[in-house]
Amino acid sequence: MLAVTDNAATVIRDLTSQDEVPDGSGLRIAADAAEGALTLTLASAPEEGDQIVNSSGARLFLDSDAALLLDDKELDAAVEPGGSIQFAVGEQL
């Protein structure tokens, strides 16, 4: 199962706790086969078939393809000085 660093959990909690974001929201990660990439979006709820990951109060929704790709990975995040957020996927330690 995807591991989530403390930094990533904090960033996700901050994103989903904004006033305009509904309670129960999470970060949804989906595999985009056409682009050969992963997409990250804020989602108010998981979609049918999504795997739900709860980590230190941060909720992630993984579509089935993303769940397979990320099964042995770790999600990290950093906030740049300008406020932009960078997510990174690496090997679990």
Protein backbone atom coordinates (compact mmCIF):
# COMPACT_ATOMS: atom_id res chain seq x y z
CA MET A 1 0.00 0.00 0.00
CA LEU A 2 1.15 3.54 -0.75
CA ALA A 3 3.05 5.08 2.18
CA VAL A 4 2.63 8.79 2.90
CA THR A 5 5.36 10.89 4.50
CA ASP A 6 4.54 13.30 7.32
CA ASN A 7 5.23 16.21 4.93
CA ALA A 8 2.77 14.86 2.35
CA ALA A 9 0.12 14.19 5.02
CA THR A 10 0.46 17.77 6.28
CA VAL A 11 0.15 19.25 2.78
CA ILE A 12 -2.90 17.08 1.97
CA ARG A 13 -4.59 17.98 5.27
CA ASP A 14 -3.92 21.68 4.57
CA LEU A 15 -5.41 21.39 1.07
CA THR A 16 -8.52 19.53 2.21
CA SER A 17 -9.18 21.71 5.25
CA GLN A 18 -9.69 24.91 3.24
CA ASP A 19 -13.11 26.54 3.75
CA GLU A 20 -14.31 25.91 0.19
CA VAL A 21 -13.41 22.19 0.27
CA PRO A 22 -16.22 19.87 1.53
CA ASP A 23 -15.66 17.70 4.61
CA GLY A 24 -14.45 14.22 3.72
CA SER A 25 -12.52 15.41 0.68
CA GLY A 26 -9.18 13.94 -0.30
CA LEU A 27 -6.44 13.97 -2.88
CA ARG A 28 -7.33 11.67 -5.78
CA ILE A 29 -4.54 10.04 -7.73
CA ALA A 30 -5.43 8.51 -11.08
CA ALA A 31 -3.33 6.87 -13.75
CA ASP A 32 -3.57 8.57 -17.14
CA ALA A 33 -2.63 5.84 -19.61
CA ALA A 34 -2.78 8.20 -22.61
CA GLU A 35 -0.21 10.53 -21.04
CA GLY A 36 1.75 7.83 -19.21
CA ALA A 37 1.45 9.85 -16.02
CA LEU A 38 -0.42 10.22 -12.76
CA THR A 39 -2.92 13.02 -12.19
CA LEU A 40 -3.63 14.54 -8.80
CA THR A 41 -6.86 16.37 -8.07
CA LEU A 42 -8.86 17.38 -5.04
CA ALA A 43 -11.98 15.22 -4.84
CA SER A 44 -14.98 15.56 -2.55
CA ALA A 45 -15.35 11.76 -2.37
CA PRO A 46 -13.74 8.63 -3.80
CA GLU A 47 -15.01 7.28 -7.09
CA GLU A 48 -16.34 3.76 -7.45
CA GLY A 49 -13.45 1.30 -7.20
CA ASP A 50 -11.00 3.75 -5.62
CA GLN A 51 -8.71 2.51 -2.89
CA ILE A 52 -8.88 4.81 0.14
CA VAL A 53 -5.69 5.55 2.06
CA ASN A 54 -5.92 7.36 5.40
CA SER A 55 -2.60 8.56 6.76
CA SER A 56 -2.33 10.83 9.78
CA GLY A 57 -5.65 12.47 8.94
CA ALA A 58 -4.87 12.86 5.23
CA ARG A 59 -7.21 11.08 2.80
CA LEU A 60 -6.12 9.80 -0.59
CA PHE A 61 -8.27 8.14 -3.21
CA LEU A 62 -6.38 5.93 -5.68
CA ASP A 63 -7.96 4.61 -8.84
CA SER A 64 -7.27 0.91 -9.43
CA ASP A 65 -4.40 1.50 -11.88
CA ALA A 66 -2.73 4.06 -9.62
CA ALA A 67 -3.14 1.74 -6.62
CA LEU A 68 -1.25 -0.99 -8.49
CA LEU A 69 1.51 1.38 -9.64
CA LEU A 70 1.96 2.93 -6.20
CA ASP A 71 1.59 -0.19 -4.06
CA ASP A 72 5.25 -0.25 -2.98
CA LYS A 73 5.90 3.51 -3.25
CA GLU A 74 6.01 6.50 -0.91
CA LEU A 75 4.37 9.89 -1.52
CA ASP A 76 6.24 12.97 -0.36
CA ALA A 77 5.46 16.68 -0.77
CA ALA A 78 7.13 20.03 -0.34
CA VAL A 79 5.84 23.59 -0.47
CA GLU A 80 8.05 25.90 -2.52
CA PRO A 81 8.81 29.46 -1.29
CA GLY A 82 6.27 30.87 -3.78
CA GLY A 83 3.57 28.60 -2.39
CA SER A 84 3.49 25.99 -5.14
CA ILE A 85 3.28 22.37 -4.04
CA GLN A 86 5.53 19.65 -5.40
CA PHE A 87 4.57 16.01 -4.91
CA ALA A 88 7.12 13.25 -5.45
CA VAL A 89 6.82 9.48 -5.58
CA GLY A 90 9.76 7.38 -4.46
CA GLU A 91 10.60 3.92 -3.21
CA GLN A 92 9.44 2.97 0.26
CA LEU A 93 12.32 2.80 2.71
